Amino acid sequence: MTSQALEASDKLKRESEEQAIKQSLVARHANDSIITSDTYGRISWVNEAFSKITGYTRS
C-alpha cells in the first residue's frame, strides 16, 4: 500500500472509533431505555434508563 492509502485507512479507523465512542456516550446517558441484543434475542446490554423505567437491573 502507498503511504496515502495507509493514511486514509488510519483516518477512517480513527473516525470510526470516535463515532463509536460518541454513540456509546449517548446510549449510556439517554433518558430513554436502550437495549442491545444478539441475533438470538438475548439481551447483552441495557442503559441506566432501562433499569430505572423497568426496575430490572443489568445483571
N, C-alpha and C. Protein backbone atom coordinates (compact mmCIF):
# COMPACT_ATOMS: atom_id res chain seq x y z
N MET A 1 0.84 -1.19 0.00
CA MET A 1 0.00 0.00 0.00
C MET A 1 0.88 1.24 0.00
N THR A 2 0.36 2.27 -0.58
CA THR A 2 1.08 3.54 -0.56
C THR A 2 0.85 4.23 0.78
N SER A 3 1.69 5.20 1.04
CA SER A 3 1.54 5.92 2.31
C SER A 3 0.21 6.68 2.36
N GLN A 4 -0.26 7.16 1.20
CA GLN A 4 -1.54 7.87 1.17
C GLN A 4 -2.69 6.93 1.51
N ALA A 5 -2.63 5.71 1.00
CA ALA A 5 -3.69 4.74 1.29
C ALA A 5 -3.67 4.37 2.77
N LEU A 6 -2.48 4.22 3.33
CA LEU A 6 -2.37 3.90 4.76
C LEU A 6 -2.90 5.05 5.61
N GLU A 7 -2.57 6.28 5.23
CA GLU A 7 -3.06 7.44 5.97
C GLU A 7 -4.58 7.52 5.91
N ALA A 8 -5.15 7.27 4.74
CA ALA A 8 -6.60 7.30 4.58
C ALA A 8 -7.25 6.21 5.42
N SER A 9 -6.63 5.03 5.42
CA SER A 9 -7.16 3.92 6.21
C SER A 9 -7.11 4.23 7.70
N ASP A 10 -6.00 4.80 8.14
CA ASP A 10 -5.87 5.18 9.55
C ASP A 10 -6.89 6.25 9.94
N LYS A 11 -7.12 7.21 9.04
CA LYS A 11 -8.09 8.27 9.31
C LYS A 11 -9.49 7.69 9.44
N LEU A 12 -9.86 6.78 8.55
CA LEU A 12 -11.18 6.15 8.62
C LEU A 12 -11.34 5.35 9.91
N LYS A 13 -10.28 4.67 10.31
CA LYS A 13 -10.33 3.88 11.55
C LYS A 13 -10.53 4.80 12.75
N ARG A 14 -9.79 5.90 12.80
CA ARG A 14 -9.93 6.87 13.91
C ARG A 14 -11.33 7.45 13.95
N GLU A 15 -11.85 7.83 12.79
CA GLU A 15 -13.19 8.40 12.74
C GLU A 15 -14.24 7.40 13.18
N SER A 16 -14.06 6.15 12.80
CA SER A 16 -14.99 5.10 13.20
C SER A 16 -14.95 4.89 14.71
N GLU A 17 -13.75 4.89 15.28
CA GLU A 17 -13.61 4.73 16.73
C GLU A 17 -14.22 5.91 17.47
N GLU A 18 -14.02 7.12 16.96
CA GLU A 18 -14.61 8.30 17.59
C GLU A 18 -16.13 8.25 17.54
N GLN A 19 -16.68 7.81 16.42
CA GLN A 19 -18.13 7.69 16.29
C GLN A 19 -18.68 6.66 17.27
N ALA A 20 -17.98 5.55 17.44
CA ALA A 20 -18.42 4.51 18.37
C ALA A 20 -18.43 5.04 19.80
N ILE A 21 -17.43 5.83 20.16
CA ILE A 21 -17.37 6.42 21.50
C ILE A 21 -18.54 7.37 21.71
N LYS A 22 -18.83 8.21 20.72
CA LYS A 22 -19.95 9.15 20.83
C LYS A 22 -21.27 8.40 20.99
N GLN A 23 -21.47 7.37 20.19
CA GLN A 23 -22.71 6.60 20.27
C GLN A 23 -22.84 5.92 21.62
N SER A 24 -21.74 5.42 22.15
CA SER A 24 -21.76 4.78 23.46
C SER A 24 -22.16 5.78 24.55
N LEU A 25 -21.62 6.98 24.48
CA LEU A 25 -21.96 8.00 25.47
C LEU A 25 -23.43 8.38 25.39
N VAL A 26 -23.94 8.53 24.18
CA VAL A 26 -25.36 8.87 24.00
C VAL A 26 -26.23 7.76 24.58
N ALA A 27 -25.91 6.52 24.28
CA ALA A 27 -26.71 5.39 24.76
C ALA A 27 -26.68 5.31 26.28
N ARG A 28 -25.51 5.50 26.87
CA ARG A 28 -25.40 5.40 28.33
C ARG A 28 -26.17 6.48 29.05
N HIS A 29 -26.21 7.68 28.49
CA HIS A 29 -26.80 8.81 29.19
C HIS A 29 -28.18 9.22 28.69
N ALA A 30 -28.74 8.45 27.80
CA ALA A 30 -30.07 8.76 27.26
C ALA A 30 -31.14 8.61 28.34
N ASN A 31 -32.19 9.40 28.25
CA ASN A 31 -33.31 9.29 29.18
C ASN A 31 -34.27 8.18 28.77
N ASP A 32 -34.17 7.73 27.54
CA ASP A 32 -34.99 6.62 27.05
C ASP A 32 -34.25 5.31 27.29
N SER A 33 -35.01 4.24 27.47
CA SER A 33 -34.35 2.95 27.67
C SER A 33 -33.78 2.46 26.34
N ILE A 34 -32.57 1.93 26.41
CA ILE A 34 -31.89 1.39 25.24
C ILE A 34 -31.39 0.00 25.59
N ILE A 35 -31.68 -0.93 24.71
CA ILE A 35 -31.31 -2.33 24.92
C ILE A 35 -30.57 -2.81 23.68
N THR A 36 -29.50 -3.58 23.87
CA THR A 36 -28.87 -4.26 22.74
C THR A 36 -29.01 -5.75 22.97
N SER A 37 -29.16 -6.47 21.87
CA SER A 37 -29.30 -7.93 21.98
C SER A 37 -28.53 -8.60 20.85
N ASP A 38 -28.27 -9.89 21.03
CA ASP A 38 -27.59 -10.64 19.98
C ASP A 38 -28.60 -11.13 18.95
N THR A 39 -28.14 -11.88 17.98
CA THR A 39 -29.02 -12.34 16.90
C THR A 39 -30.07 -13.33 17.38
N TYR A 40 -29.90 -13.86 18.59
CA TYR A 40 -30.88 -14.79 19.16
C TYR A 40 -31.88 -14.09 20.07
N GLY A 41 -31.75 -12.77 20.19
CA GLY A 41 -32.67 -12.01 21.02
C GLY A 41 -32.28 -11.95 22.48
N ARG A 42 -31.09 -12.46 22.82
CA ARG A 42 -30.62 -12.39 24.20
C ARG A 42 -30.08 -11.00 24.48
N ILE A 43 -30.57 -10.40 25.55
CA ILE A 43 -30.14 -9.05 25.90
C ILE A 43 -28.68 -9.08 26.33
N SER A 44 -27.89 -8.20 25.71
CA SER A 44 -26.47 -8.15 26.04
C SER A 44 -26.10 -6.89 26.82
N TRP A 45 -26.95 -5.85 26.72
CA TRP A 45 -26.65 -4.61 27.42
C TRP A 45 -27.91 -3.78 27.53
N VAL A 46 -28.05 -3.08 28.65
CA VAL A 46 -29.13 -2.10 28.84
C VAL A 46 -28.52 -0.85 29.47
N ASN A 47 -29.13 0.29 29.19
CA ASN A 47 -28.63 1.50 29.82
C ASN A 47 -29.32 1.73 31.17
N GLU A 48 -28.87 2.73 31.87
CA GLU A 48 -29.40 3.04 33.21
C GLU A 48 -30.88 3.39 33.15
N ALA A 49 -31.29 4.09 32.11
CA ALA A 49 -32.71 4.46 31.98
C ALA A 49 -33.60 3.22 31.91
N PHE A 50 -33.14 2.18 31.24
CA PHE A 50 -33.91 0.94 31.18
C PHE A 50 -34.14 0.41 32.59
N SER A 51 -33.09 0.40 33.39
CA SER A 51 -33.20 -0.10 34.76
C SER A 51 -34.16 0.75 35.59
N LYS A 52 -34.08 2.06 35.44
CA LYS A 52 -34.97 2.95 36.19
C LYS A 52 -36.43 2.78 35.76
N ILE A 53 -36.66 2.65 34.47
CA ILE A 53 -38.02 2.55 33.95
C ILE A 53 -38.66 1.21 34.27
N THR A 54 -37.90 0.13 34.12
CA THR A 54 -38.48 -1.21 34.27
C THR A 54 -38.29 -1.81 35.65
N GLY A 55 -37.29 -1.32 36.38
CA GLY A 55 -36.99 -1.91 37.68
C GLY A 55 -36.04 -3.10 37.58
N TYR A 56 -35.75 -3.55 36.36
CA TYR A 56 -34.80 -4.65 36.17
C TYR A 56 -33.38 -4.10 36.23
N THR A 57 -32.47 -4.88 36.80
CA THR A 57 -31.08 -4.46 36.87
C THR A 57 -30.31 -5.04 35.69
N ARG A 58 -29.10 -4.57 35.53
CA ARG A 58 -28.26 -5.05 34.43
C ARG A 58 -27.86 -6.50 34.59
N SER A 59 -27.86 -7.01 35.78
CA SER A 59 -27.45 -8.41 35.99
C SER A 59 -28.61 -9.31 35.84
